[in-house]
Amino acid sequence: IVSTGSEREYRARYLILAMGQLSRPKNTIYPGQENYRGRVLYS
């Protein structure tokens, strides 16, 4: 029974996770970053 944050719910005999090995980026943050006035990008 799969929930996705919407009203839609999925019920499946088989659940196949094909989310990839490189799909959860590190959320790298250094101290003081909130004060930086330039642009911050993540590759």
PDB file of all heavy atoms in Angstrom:
ATOM      1  N   ILE A   1       0.868  -1.171   0.000  1.00  0.00           N
ATOM      2  CA  ILE A   1       0.000   0.000   0.000  1.00  0.00           C
ATOM      3  C   ILE A   1       0.907   1.223   0.000  1.00  0.00           C
ATOM      4  O   ILE A   1       1.680   1.432   0.936  1.00  0.00           O
ATOM      5  CB  ILE A   1      -0.934   0.005   1.220  1.00  0.00           C
ATOM      6  CG1 ILE A   1      -1.759  -1.293   1.259  1.00  0.00           C
ATOM      7  CG2 ILE A   1      -1.846   1.233   1.194  1.00  0.00           C
ATOM      8  CD1 ILE A   1      -2.519  -1.490   2.552  1.00  0.00           C
ATOM      9  N   VAL A   2       0.811   2.003  -1.061  1.00  0.00           N
ATOM     10  CA  VAL A   2       1.772   3.075  -1.300  1.00  0.00           C
ATOM     11  C   VAL A   2       1.071   4.427  -1.243  1.00  0.00           C
ATOM     12  O   VAL A   2       0.067   4.658  -1.932  1.00  0.00           O
ATOM     13  CB  VAL A   2       2.458   2.891  -2.673  1.00  0.00           C
ATOM     14  CG1 VAL A   2       3.356   4.079  -3.004  1.00  0.00           C
ATOM     15  CG2 VAL A   2       3.261   1.591  -2.680  1.00  0.00           C
ATOM     16  N   SER A   3       1.628   5.321  -0.430  1.00  0.00           N
ATOM     17  CA  SER A   3       1.119   6.683  -0.311  1.00  0.00           C
ATOM     18  C   SER A   3       2.102   7.657  -0.945  1.00  0.00           C
ATOM     19  O   SER A   3       3.326   7.495  -0.822  1.00  0.00           O
ATOM     20  CB  SER A   3       0.905   7.053   1.162  1.00  0.00           C
ATOM     21  OG  SER A   3      -0.036   6.194   1.767  1.00  0.00           O
ATOM     22  N   THR A   4       1.541   8.691  -1.589  1.00  0.00           N
ATOM     23  CA  THR A   4       2.388   9.623  -2.333  1.00  0.00           C
ATOM     24  C   THR A   4       2.173  11.075  -1.933  1.00  0.00           C
ATOM     25  O   THR A   4       2.631  11.981  -2.628  1.00  0.00           O
ATOM     26  CB  THR A   4       2.123   9.490  -3.843  1.00  0.00           C
ATOM     27  OG1 THR A   4       0.748   9.798  -4.105  1.00  0.00           O
ATOM     28  CG2 THR A   4       2.452   8.094  -4.329  1.00  0.00           C
ATOM     29  N   GLY A   5       1.490  11.298  -0.820  1.00  0.00           N
ATOM     30  CA  GLY A   5       1.253  12.677  -0.400  1.00  0.00           C
ATOM     31  C   GLY A   5       0.057  13.315  -1.049  1.00  0.00           C
ATOM     32  O   GLY A   5      -0.263  14.469  -0.792  1.00  0.00           O
ATOM     33  N   SER A   6      -0.624  12.586  -1.924  1.00  0.00           N
ATOM     34  CA  SER A   6      -1.855  13.080  -2.542  1.00  0.00           C
ATOM     35  C   SER A   6      -3.000  12.178  -2.099  1.00  0.00           C
ATOM     36  O   SER A   6      -2.819  11.264  -1.304  1.00  0.00           O
ATOM     37  CB  SER A   6      -1.729  13.069  -4.063  1.00  0.00           C
ATOM     38  OG  SER A   6      -1.650  11.738  -4.541  1.00  0.00           O
ATOM     39  N   GLU A   7      -4.154  12.419  -2.645  1.00  0.00           N
ATOM     40  CA  GLU A   7      -5.299  11.583  -2.300  1.00  0.00           C
ATOM     41  C   GLU A   7      -5.199  10.201  -2.945  1.00  0.00           C
ATOM     42  O   GLU A   7      -5.898   9.273  -2.551  1.00  0.00           O
ATOM     43  CB  GLU A   7      -6.600  12.270  -2.747  1.00  0.00           C
ATOM     44  CG  GLU A   7      -6.897  13.561  -1.993  1.00  0.00           C
ATOM     45  CD  GLU A   7      -8.198  14.197  -2.445  1.00  0.00           C
ATOM     46  OE1 GLU A   7      -8.835  13.631  -3.362  1.00  0.00           O
ATOM     47  OE2 GLU A   7      -8.571  15.240  -1.885  1.00  0.00           O
ATOM     48  N   ARG A   8      -4.330  10.098  -3.929  1.00  0.00           N
ATOM     49  CA  ARG A   8      -4.207   8.846  -4.675  1.00  0.00           C
ATOM     50  C   ARG A   8      -3.392   7.828  -3.877  1.00  0.00           C
ATOM     51  O   ARG A   8      -2.327   8.141  -3.353  1.00  0.00           O
ATOM     52  CB  ARG A   8      -3.568   9.123  -6.028  1.00  0.00           C
ATOM     53  CG  ARG A   8      -3.448   7.910  -6.918  1.00  0.00           C
ATOM     54  CD  ARG A   8      -2.815   8.307  -8.248  1.00  0.00           C
ATOM     55  NE  ARG A   8      -3.687   9.202  -9.002  1.00  0.00           N
ATOM     56  CZ  ARG A   8      -3.319   9.809 -10.113  1.00  0.00           C
ATOM     57  NH1 ARG A   8      -2.108   9.661 -10.591  1.00  0.00           N
ATOM     58  NH2 ARG A   8      -4.175  10.586 -10.752  1.00  0.00           N
ATOM     59  N   GLU A   9      -3.891   6.622  -3.781  1.00  0.00           N
ATOM     60  CA  GLU A   9      -3.187   5.536  -3.099  1.00  0.00           C
ATOM     61  C   GLU A   9      -3.046   4.366  -4.072  1.00  0.00           C
ATOM     62  O   GLU A   9      -3.961   4.062  -4.822  1.00  0.00           O
ATOM     63  CB  GLU A   9      -3.978   5.094  -1.862  1.00  0.00           C
ATOM     64  CG  GLU A   9      -3.294   4.031  -1.032  1.00  0.00           C
ATOM     65  CD  GLU A   9      -4.104   3.690   0.207  1.00  0.00           C
ATOM     66  OE1 GLU A   9      -5.042   2.866   0.099  1.00  0.00           O
ATOM     67  OE2 GLU A   9      -3.813   4.258   1.280  1.00  0.00           O
ATOM     68  N   TYR A  10      -1.880   3.751  -4.044  1.00  0.00           N
ATOM     69  CA  TYR A  10      -1.612   2.625  -4.932  1.00  0.00           C
ATOM     70  C   TYR A  10      -1.558   1.340  -4.112  1.00  0.00           C
ATOM     71  O   TYR A  10      -0.988   1.312  -3.014  1.00  0.00           O
ATOM     72  CB  TYR A  10      -0.271   2.805  -5.653  1.00  0.00           C
ATOM     73  CG  TYR A  10      -0.189   4.012  -6.553  1.00  0.00           C
ATOM     74  CD1 TYR A  10       0.081   5.271  -6.023  1.00  0.00           C
ATOM     75  CD2 TYR A  10      -0.373   3.904  -7.928  1.00  0.00           C
ATOM     76  CE1 TYR A  10       0.179   6.393  -6.843  1.00  0.00           C
ATOM     77  CE2 TYR A  10      -0.279   5.018  -8.765  1.00  0.00           C
ATOM     78  CZ  TYR A  10      -0.006   6.249  -8.202  1.00  0.00           C
ATOM     79  OH  TYR A  10       0.084   7.355  -9.014  1.00  0.00           O
ATOM     80  N   ARG A  11      -2.148   0.291  -4.669  1.00  0.00           N
ATOM     81  CA  ARG A  11      -2.048  -1.043  -4.080  1.00  0.00           C
ATOM     82  C   ARG A  11      -1.475  -1.964  -5.151  1.00  0.00           C
ATOM     83  O   ARG A  11      -2.066  -2.118  -6.220  1.00  0.00           O
ATOM     84  CB  ARG A  11      -3.405  -1.542  -3.591  1.00  0.00           C
ATOM     85  CG  ARG A  11      -3.938  -0.776  -2.395  1.00  0.00           C
ATOM     86  CD  ARG A  11      -5.340  -1.193  -1.982  1.00  0.00           C
ATOM     87  NE  ARG A  11      -5.760  -0.455  -0.811  1.00  0.00           N
ATOM     88  CZ  ARG A  11      -5.714  -0.913   0.444  1.00  0.00           C
ATOM     89  NH1 ARG A  11      -5.278  -2.152   0.662  1.00  0.00           N
ATOM     90  NH2 ARG A  11      -6.098  -0.154   1.457  1.00  0.00           N
ATOM     91  N   ALA A  12      -0.322  -2.541  -4.849  1.00  0.00           N
ATOM     92  CA  ALA A  12       0.365  -3.343  -5.856  1.00  0.00           C
ATOM     93  C   ALA A  12       0.885  -4.626  -5.236  1.00  0.00           C
ATOM     94  O   ALA A  12       1.394  -4.624  -4.104  1.00  0.00           O
ATOM     95  CB  ALA A  12       1.522  -2.555  -6.465  1.00  0.00           C
ATOM     96  N   ARG A  13       0.773  -5.717  -5.973  1.00  0.00           N
ATOM     97  CA  ARG A  13       1.343  -6.984  -5.522  1.00  0.00           C
ATOM     98  C   ARG A  13       2.856  -6.846  -5.351  1.00  0.00           C
ATOM     99  O   ARG A  13       3.422  -7.313  -4.379  1.00  0.00           O
ATOM    100  CB  ARG A  13       1.018  -8.085  -6.539  1.00  0.00           C
ATOM    101  CG  ARG A  13       1.672  -9.426  -6.247  1.00  0.00           C
ATOM    102  CD  ARG A  13       0.998 -10.133  -5.094  1.00  0.00           C
ATOM    103  NE  ARG A  13      -0.373 -10.488  -5.432  1.00  0.00           N
ATOM    104  CZ  ARG A  13      -1.288 -10.847  -4.532  1.00  0.00           C
ATOM    105  NH1 ARG A  13      -0.975 -10.903  -3.254  1.00  0.00           N
ATOM    106  NH2 ARG A  13      -2.522 -11.149  -4.915  1.00  0.00           N
ATOM    107  N   TYR A  14       3.497  -6.171  -6.317  1.00  0.00           N
ATOM    108  CA  TYR A  14       4.953  -6.053  -6.295  1.00  0.00           C
ATOM    109  C   TYR A  14       5.350  -4.579  -6.278  1.00  0.00           C
ATOM    110  O   TYR A  14       4.790  -3.761  -7.027  1.00  0.00           O
ATOM    111  CB  TYR A  14       5.575  -6.737  -7.508  1.00  0.00           C
ATOM    112  CG  TYR A  14       5.223  -8.207  -7.604  1.00  0.00           C
ATOM    113  CD1 TYR A  14       4.377  -8.670  -8.610  1.00  0.00           C
ATOM    114  CD2 TYR A  14       5.715  -9.126  -6.678  1.00  0.00           C
ATOM    115  CE1 TYR A  14       4.043 -10.014  -8.698  1.00  0.00           C
ATOM    116  CE2 TYR A  14       5.381 -10.468  -6.759  1.00  0.00           C
ATOM    117  CZ  TYR A  14       4.548 -10.906  -7.763  1.00  0.00           C
ATOM    118  OH  TYR A  14       4.211 -12.239  -7.842  1.00  0.00           O
ATOM    119  N   LEU A  15       6.330  -4.275  -5.459  1.00  0.00           N
ATOM    120  CA  LEU A  15       6.902  -2.935  -5.371  1.00  0.00           C
ATOM    121  C   LEU A  15       8.335  -3.007  -5.884  1.00  0.00           C
ATOM    122  O   LEU A  15       9.161  -3.754  -5.342  1.00  0.00           O
ATOM    123  CB  LEU A  15       6.881  -2.435  -3.927  1.00  0.00           C
ATOM    124  CG  LEU A  15       7.495  -1.055  -3.666  1.00  0.00           C
ATOM    125  CD1 LEU A  15       6.685   0.027  -4.372  1.00  0.00           C
ATOM    126  CD2 LEU A  15       7.573  -0.788  -2.157  1.00  0.00           C
ATOM    127  N   ILE A  16       8.627  -2.250  -6.927  1.00  0.00           N
ATOM    128  CA  ILE A  16       9.948  -2.306  -7.555  1.00  0.00           C
ATOM    129  C   ILE A  16      10.591  -0.933  -7.432  1.00  0.00           C
ATOM    130  O   ILE A  16      10.100   0.062  -7.976  1.00  0.00           O
ATOM    131  CB  ILE A  16       9.830  -2.734  -9.031  1.00  0.00           C
ATOM    132  CG1 ILE A  16       9.223  -4.141  -9.085  1.00  0.00           C
ATOM    133  CG2 ILE A  16      11.189  -2.697  -9.719  1.00  0.00           C
ATOM    134  CD1 ILE A  16       8.828  -4.588 -10.460  1.00  0.00           C
ATOM    135  N   LEU A  17      11.686  -0.884  -6.694  1.00  0.00           N
ATOM    136  CA  LEU A  17      12.366   0.374  -6.397  1.00  0.00           C
ATOM    137  C   LEU A  17      13.484   0.589  -7.409  1.00  0.00           C
ATOM    138  O   LEU A  17      14.506  -0.099  -7.380  1.00  0.00           O
ATOM    139  CB  LEU A  17      12.916   0.342  -4.967  1.00  0.00           C
ATOM    140  CG  LEU A  17      11.881   0.041  -3.873  1.00  0.00           C
ATOM    141  CD1 LEU A  17      12.547  -0.024  -2.513  1.00  0.00           C
ATOM    142  CD2 LEU A  17      10.769   1.088  -3.879  1.00  0.00           C
ATOM    143  N   ALA A  18      13.253   1.536  -8.312  1.00  0.00           N
ATOM    144  CA  ALA A  18      14.222   1.851  -9.369  1.00  0.00           C
ATOM    145  C   ALA A  18      14.592   3.323  -9.260  1.00  0.00           C
ATOM    146  O   ALA A  18      14.538   4.075 -10.231  1.00  0.00           O
ATOM    147  CB  ALA A  18      13.635   1.522 -10.743  1.00  0.00           C
ATOM    148  N   MET A  19      14.974   3.726  -8.058  1.00  0.00           N
ATOM    149  CA  MET A  19      15.200   5.147  -7.778  1.00  0.00           C
ATOM    150  C   MET A  19      16.620   5.608  -8.075  1.00  0.00           C
ATOM    151  O   MET A  19      16.905   6.798  -8.007  1.00  0.00           O
ATOM    152  CB  MET A  19      14.862   5.437  -6.314  1.00  0.00           C
ATOM    153  CG  MET A  19      13.373   5.281  -6.043  1.00  0.00           C
ATOM    154  SD  MET A  19      13.042   4.097  -4.753  1.00  0.00           S
ATOM    155  CE  MET A  19      13.158   5.072  -3.288  1.00  0.00           C
ATOM    156  N   GLY A  20      17.502   4.678  -8.402  1.00  0.00           N
ATOM    157  CA  GLY A  20      18.851   5.079  -8.766  1.00  0.00           C
ATOM    158  C   GLY A  20      19.784   5.203  -7.573  1.00  0.00           C
ATOM    159  O   GLY A  20      19.353   5.395  -6.434  1.00  0.00           O
ATOM    160  N   GLN A  21      21.070   5.083  -7.855  1.00  0.00           N
ATOM    161  CA  GLN A  21      22.095   5.165  -6.817  1.00  0.00           C
ATOM    162  C   GLN A  21      22.541   6.603  -6.584  1.00  0.00           C
ATOM    163  O   GLN A  21      23.076   6.939  -5.528  1.00  0.00           O
ATOM    164  CB  GLN A  21      23.325   4.326  -7.208  1.00  0.00           C
ATOM    165  CG  GLN A  21      23.019   2.908  -7.621  1.00  0.00           C
ATOM    166  CD  GLN A  21      22.510   2.841  -9.051  1.00  0.00           C
ATOM    167  OE1 GLN A  21      22.705   3.739  -9.868  1.00  0.00           O
ATOM    168  NE2 GLN A  21      21.842   1.752  -9.373  1.00  0.00           N
ATOM    169  N   LEU A  22      22.328   7.459  -7.589  1.00  0.00           N
ATOM    170  CA  LEU A  22      22.813   8.841  -7.534  1.00  0.00           C
ATOM    171  C   LEU A  22      21.638   9.799  -7.670  1.00  0.00           C
ATOM    172  O   LEU A  22      21.606  10.670  -8.531  1.00  0.00           O
ATOM    173  CB  LEU A  22      23.830   9.080  -8.660  1.00  0.00           C
ATOM    174  CG  LEU A  22      25.037   8.138  -8.670  1.00  0.00           C
ATOM    175  CD1 LEU A  22      25.892   8.379  -9.898  1.00  0.00           C
ATOM    176  CD2 LEU A  22      25.877   8.317  -7.397  1.00  0.00           C
ATOM    177  N   SER A  23      20.657   9.620  -6.803  1.00  0.00           N
ATOM    178  CA  SER A  23      19.447  10.442  -6.898  1.00  0.00           C
ATOM    179  C   SER A  23      19.112  11.151  -5.587  1.00  0.00           C
ATOM    180  O   SER A  23      18.085  11.822  -5.496  1.00  0.00           O
ATOM    181  CB  SER A  23      18.252   9.584  -7.332  1.00  0.00           C
ATOM    182  OG  SER A  23      18.049   8.515  -6.442  1.00  0.00           O
ATOM    183  N   ARG A  24      19.972  11.009  -4.593  1.00  0.00           N
ATOM    184  CA  ARG A  24      19.748  11.695  -3.314  1.00  0.00           C
ATOM    185  C   ARG A  24      20.944  12.618  -3.069  1.00  0.00           C
ATOM    186  O   ARG A  24      21.933  12.236  -2.452  1.00  0.00           O
ATOM    187  CB  ARG A  24      19.621  10.672  -2.187  1.00  0.00           C
ATOM    188  CG  ARG A  24      19.294  11.271  -0.827  1.00  0.00           C
ATOM    189  CD  ARG A  24      17.836  11.642  -0.721  1.00  0.00           C
ATOM    190  NE  ARG A  24      17.484  12.100   0.614  1.00  0.00           N
ATOM    191  CZ  ARG A  24      16.285  12.583   0.920  1.00  0.00           C
ATOM    192  NH1 ARG A  24      15.347  12.640  -0.009  1.00  0.00           N
ATOM    193  NH2 ARG A  24      16.025  12.997   2.136  1.00  0.00           N
ATOM    194  N   PRO A  25      20.905  13.848  -3.583  1.00  0.00           N
ATOM    195  CA  PRO A  25      22.062  14.737  -3.438  1.00  0.00           C
ATOM    196  C   PRO A  25      22.337  15.063  -1.975  1.00  0.00           C
ATOM    197  O   PRO A  25      21.428  15.137  -1.143  1.00  0.00           O
ATOM    198  CB  PRO A  25      21.641  15.994  -4.200  1.00  0.00           C
ATOM    199  CG  PRO A  25      20.496  15.591  -5.059  1.00  0.00           C
ATOM    200  CD  PRO A  25      19.814  14.473  -4.329  1.00  0.00           C
ATOM    201  N   LYS A  26      23.622  15.241  -1.679  1.00  0.00           N
ATOM    202  CA  LYS A  26      23.983  15.754  -0.359  1.00  0.00           C
ATOM    203  C   LYS A  26      23.489  17.195  -0.250  1.00  0.00           C
ATOM    204  O   LYS A  26      23.680  18.000  -1.159  1.00  0.00           O
ATOM    205  CB  LYS A  26      25.495  15.751  -0.177  1.00  0.00           C
ATOM    206  CG  LYS A  26      26.153  14.389  -0.180  1.00  0.00           C
ATOM    207  CD  LYS A  26      27.653  14.580  -0.002  1.00  0.00           C
ATOM    208  CE  LYS A  26      28.404  13.289  -0.171  1.00  0.00           C
ATOM    209  NZ  LYS A  26      29.874  13.501  -0.111  1.00  0.00           N
ATOM    210  N   ASN A  27      22.900  17.502   0.859  1.00  0.00           N
ATOM    211  CA  ASN A  27      22.445  18.868   1.104  1.00  0.00           C
ATOM    212  C   ASN A  27      23.542  19.621   1.853  1.00  0.00           C
ATOM    213  O   ASN A  27      23.406  19.983   3.014  1.00  0.00           O
ATOM    214  CB  ASN A  27      21.137  18.856   1.892  1.00  0.00           C
ATOM    215  CG  ASN A  27      20.553  20.245   2.062  1.00  0.00           C
ATOM    216  OD1 ASN A  27      20.777  21.122   1.237  1.00  0.00           O
ATOM    217  ND2 ASN A  27      19.831  20.455   3.150  1.00  0.00           N
ATOM    218  N   THR A  28      24.657  19.854   1.148  1.00  0.00           N
ATOM    219  CA  THR A  28      25.818  20.453   1.790  1.00  0.00           C
ATOM    220  C   THR A  28      25.549  21.917   2.105  1.00  0.00           C
ATOM    221  O   THR A  28      25.137  22.695   1.250  1.00  0.00           O
ATOM    222  CB  THR A  28      27.052  20.355   0.877  1.00  0.00           C
ATOM    223  OG1 THR A  28      27.172  19.018   0.394  1.00  0.00           O
ATOM    224  CG2 THR A  28      28.316  20.743   1.619  1.00  0.00           C
ATOM    225  N   ILE A  29      25.786  22.293   3.352  1.00  0.00           N
ATOM    226  CA  ILE A  29      25.611  23.674   3.802  1.00  0.00           C
ATOM    227  C   ILE A  29      26.748  23.995   4.771  1.00  0.00           C
ATOM    228  O   ILE A  29      27.049  23.216   5.677  1.00  0.00           O
ATOM    229  CB  ILE A  29      24.253  23.884   4.503  1.00  0.00           C
ATOM    230  CG1 ILE A  29      23.098  23.651   3.527  1.00  0.00           C
ATOM    231  CG2 ILE A  29      24.166  25.287   5.109  1.00  0.00           C
ATOM    232  CD1 ILE A  29      21.724  23.736   4.176  1.00  0.00           C
ATOM    233  N   TYR A  30      27.379  25.150   4.557  1.00  0.00           N
ATOM    234  CA  TYR A  30      28.415  25.622   5.480  1.00  0.00           C
ATOM    235  C   TYR A  30      27.838  26.713   6.380  1.00  0.00           C
ATOM    236  O   TYR A  30      26.865  27.391   6.012  1.00  0.00           O
ATOM    237  CB  TYR A  30      29.614  26.165   4.703  1.00  0.00           C
ATOM    238  CG  TYR A  30      30.556  25.099   4.206  1.00  0.00           C
ATOM    239  CD1 TYR A  30      30.445  24.595   2.921  1.00  0.00           C
ATOM    240  CD2 TYR A  30      31.554  24.588   5.034  1.00  0.00           C
ATOM    241  CE1 TYR A  30      31.309  23.614   2.458  1.00  0.00           C
ATOM    242  CE2 TYR A  30      32.428  23.600   4.584  1.00  0.00           C
ATOM    243  CZ  TYR A  30      32.301  23.123   3.297  1.00  0.00           C
ATOM    244  OH  TYR A  30      33.159  22.139   2.846  1.00  0.00           O
ATOM    245  N   PRO A  31      28.429  26.916   7.544  1.00  0.00           N
ATOM    246  CA  PRO A  31      27.959  27.989   8.426  1.00  0.00           C
ATOM    247  C   PRO A  31      27.977  29.345   7.717  1.00  0.00           C
ATOM    248  O   PRO A  31      28.864  29.624   6.902  1.00  0.00           O
ATOM    249  CB  PRO A  31      28.979  27.960   9.577  1.00  0.00           C
ATOM    250  CG  PRO A  31      29.537  26.580   9.571  1.00  0.00           C
ATOM    251  CD  PRO A  31      29.535  26.138   8.140  1.00  0.00           C
ATOM    252  N   GLY A  32      26.989  30.152   8.030  1.00  0.00           N
ATOM    253  CA  GLY A  32      26.918  31.488   7.467  1.00  0.00           C
ATOM    254  C   GLY A  32      26.353  31.569   6.063  1.00  0.00           C
ATOM    255  O   GLY A  32      26.246  32.670   5.499  1.00  0.00           O
ATOM    256  N   GLN A  33      25.973  30.441   5.490  1.00  0.00           N
ATOM    257  CA  GLN A  33      25.506  30.451   4.106  1.00  0.00           C
ATOM    258  C   GLN A  33      24.254  31.309   3.940  1.00  0.00           C
ATOM    259  O   GLN A  33      24.033  31.899   2.877  1.00  0.00           O
ATOM    260  CB  GLN A  33      25.245  29.020   3.641  1.00  0.00           C
ATOM    261  CG  GLN A  33      24.990  28.876   2.150  1.00  0.00           C
ATOM    262  CD  GLN A  33      25.027  27.425   1.702  1.00  0.00           C
ATOM    263  OE1 GLN A  33      25.957  26.696   2.023  1.00  0.00           O
ATOM    264  NE2 GLN A  33      24.016  27.008   0.963  1.00  0.00           N
ATOM    265  N   GLU A  34      23.460  31.401   4.989  1.00  0.00           N
ATOM    266  CA  GLU A  34      22.230  32.191   4.902  1.00  0.00           C
ATOM    267  C   GLU A  34      22.534  33.687   4.742  1.00  0.00           C
ATOM    268  O   GLU A  34      21.668  34.465   4.316  1.00  0.00           O
ATOM    269  CB  GLU A  34      21.362  31.957   6.139  1.00  0.00           C
ATOM    270  CG  GLU A  34      21.914  32.507   7.439  1.00  0.00           C
ATOM    271  CD  GLU A  34      22.965  31.624   8.105  1.00  0.00           C
ATOM    272  OE1 GLU A  34      23.340  30.588   7.518  1.00  0.00           O
ATOM    273  OE2 GLU A  34      23.404  31.974   9.220  1.00  0.00           O
ATOM    274  N   ASN A  35      23.755  34.102   5.070  1.00  0.00           N
ATOM    275  CA  ASN A  35      24.124  35.513   4.965  1.00  0.00           C
ATOM    276  C   ASN A  35      24.759  35.862   3.619  1.00  0.00           C
ATOM    277  O   ASN A  35      24.997  37.040   3.326  1.00  0.00           O
ATOM    278  CB  ASN A  35      25.105  35.886   6.086  1.00  0.00           C
ATOM    279  CG  ASN A  35      24.528  35.632   7.457  1.00  0.00           C
ATOM    280  OD1 ASN A  35      23.362  35.931   7.710  1.00  0.00           O
ATOM    281  ND2 ASN A  35      25.327  35.072   8.359  1.00  0.00           N
ATOM    282  N   TYR A  36      25.034  34.851   2.836  1.00  0.00           N
ATOM    283  CA  TYR A  36      25.706  35.063   1.552  1.00  0.00           C
ATOM    284  C   TYR A  36      24.741  35.690   0.557  1.00  0.00           C
ATOM    285  O   TYR A  36      23.618  35.213   0.377  1.00  0.00           O
ATOM    286  CB  TYR A  36      26.232  33.715   1.045  1.00  0.00           C
ATOM    287  CG  TYR A  36      26.792  33.728  -0.355  1.00  0.00           C
ATOM    288  CD1 TYR A  36      27.830  34.574  -0.699  1.00  0.00           C
ATOM    289  CD2 TYR A  36      26.277  32.874  -1.336  1.00  0.00           C
ATOM    290  CE1 TYR A  36      28.351  34.579  -1.991  1.00  0.00           C
ATOM    291  CE2 TYR A  36      26.787  32.861  -2.624  1.00  0.00           C
ATOM    292  CZ  TYR A  36      27.820  33.721  -2.949  1.00  0.00           C
ATOM    293  OH  TYR A  36      28.328  33.718  -4.221  1.00  0.00           O
ATOM    294  N   ARG A  37      25.173  36.759  -0.120  1.00  0.00           N
ATOM    295  CA  ARG A  37      24.283  37.504  -1.008  1.00  0.00           C
ATOM    296  C   ARG A  37      24.353  37.034  -2.456  1.00  0.00           C
ATOM    297  O   ARG A  37      23.573  37.500  -3.299  1.00  0.00           O
ATOM    298  CB  ARG A  37      24.608  39.001  -0.922  1.00  0.00           C
ATOM    299  CG  ARG A  37      24.301  39.604   0.446  1.00  0.00           C
ATOM    300  CD  ARG A  37      24.113  41.098   0.329  1.00  0.00           C
ATOM    301  NE  ARG A  37      25.376  41.761  -0.011  1.00  0.00           N
ATOM    302  CZ  ARG A  37      26.079  42.511   0.839  1.00  0.00           C
ATOM    303  NH1 ARG A  37      25.638  42.680   2.079  1.00  0.00           N
ATOM    304  NH2 ARG A  37      27.194  43.089   0.459  1.00  0.00           N
ATOM    305  N   GLY A  38      25.288  36.138  -2.769  1.00  0.00           N
ATOM    306  CA  GLY A  38      25.390  35.613  -4.126  1.00  0.00           C
ATOM    307  C   GLY A  38      24.443  34.448  -4.346  1.00  0.00           C
ATOM    308  O   GLY A  38      23.533  34.182  -3.551  1.00  0.00           O
ATOM    309  N   ARG A  39      24.677  33.720  -5.431  1.00  0.00           N
ATOM    310  CA  ARG A  39      23.799  32.610  -5.807  1.00  0.00           C
ATOM    311  C   ARG A  39      24.465  31.286  -5.473  1.00  0.00           C
ATOM    312  O   ARG A  39      25.655  31.092  -5.758  1.00  0.00           O
ATOM    313  CB  ARG A  39      23.488  32.668  -7.300  1.00  0.00           C
ATOM    314  CG  ARG A  39      22.438  31.669  -7.749  1.00  0.00           C
ATOM    315  CD  ARG A  39      22.046  31.891  -9.207  1.00  0.00           C
ATOM    316  NE  ARG A  39      20.946  31.017  -9.586  1.00  0.00           N
ATOM    317  CZ  ARG A  39      20.435  30.954 -10.821  1.00  0.00           C
ATOM    318  NH1 ARG A  39      20.929  31.724 -11.787  1.00  0.00           N
ATOM    319  NH2 ARG A  39      19.431  30.136 -11.083  1.00  0.00           N
ATOM    320  N   VAL A  40      23.716  30.377  -4.868  1.00  0.00           N
ATOM    321  CA  VAL A  40      24.209  29.033  -4.537  1.00  0.00           C
ATOM    322  C   VAL A  40      23.508  28.029  -5.435  1.00  0.00           C
ATOM    323  O   VAL A  40      22.275  28.019  -5.532  1.00  0.00           O
ATOM    324  CB  VAL A  40      23.960  28.682  -3.055  1.00  0.00           C
ATOM    325  CG1 VAL A  40      24.369  27.242  -2.771  1.00  0.00           C
ATOM    326  CG2 VAL A  40      24.722  29.635  -2.151  1.00  0.00           C
ATOM    327  N   LEU A  41      24.294  27.168  -6.102  1.00  0.00           N
ATOM    328  CA  LEU A  41      23.758  26.153  -7.001  1.00  0.00           C
ATOM    329  C   LEU A  41      24.287  24.791  -6.599  1.00  0.00           C
ATOM    330  O   LEU A  41      25.377  24.680  -6.013  1.00  0.00           O
ATOM    331  CB  LEU A  41      24.168  26.443  -8.452  1.00  0.00           C
ATOM    332  CG  LEU A  41      23.713  27.771  -9.061  1.00  0.00           C
ATOM    333  CD1 LEU A  41      24.429  28.023 -10.372  1.00  0.00           C
ATOM    334  CD2 LEU A  41      22.200  27.773  -9.263  1.00  0.00           C
ATOM    335  N   TYR A  42      23.524  23.763  -6.922  1.00  0.00           N
ATOM    336  CA  TYR A  42      23.953  22.381  -6.715  1.00  0.00           C
ATOM    337  C   TYR A  42      23.985  21.689  -8.076  1.00  0.00           C
ATOM    338  O   TYR A  42      23.018  21.769  -8.847  1.00  0.00           O
ATOM    339  CB  TYR A  42      23.002  21.644  -5.768  1.00  0.00           C
ATOM    340  CG  TYR A  42      23.091  22.119  -4.335  1.00  0.00           C
ATOM    341  CD1 TYR A  42      22.432  23.272  -3.920  1.00  0.00           C
ATOM    342  CD2 TYR A  42      23.845  21.422  -3.400  1.00  0.00           C
ATOM    343  CE1 TYR A  42      22.518  23.724  -2.611  1.00  0.00           C
ATOM    344  CE2 TYR A  42      23.934  21.861  -2.078  1.00  0.00           C
ATOM    345  CZ  TYR A  42      23.270  23.009  -1.687  1.00  0.00           C
ATOM    346  OH  TYR A  42      23.374  23.452  -0.390  1.00  0.00           O
ATOM    347  N   SER A  43      25.084  21.012  -8.370  1.00  0.00           N
ATOM    348  CA  SER A  43      25.211  20.371  -9.680  1.00  0.00           C
ATOM    349  C   SER A  43      24.101  19.360  -9.925  1.00  0.00           C
ATOM    350  O   SER A  43      23.657  19.175 -11.062  1.00  0.00           O
ATOM    351  CB  SER A  43      26.578  19.686  -9.805  1.00  0.00           C
ATOM    352  OG  SER A  43      26.735  18.654  -8.837  1.00  0.00           O
TER     353      SER A  43
END
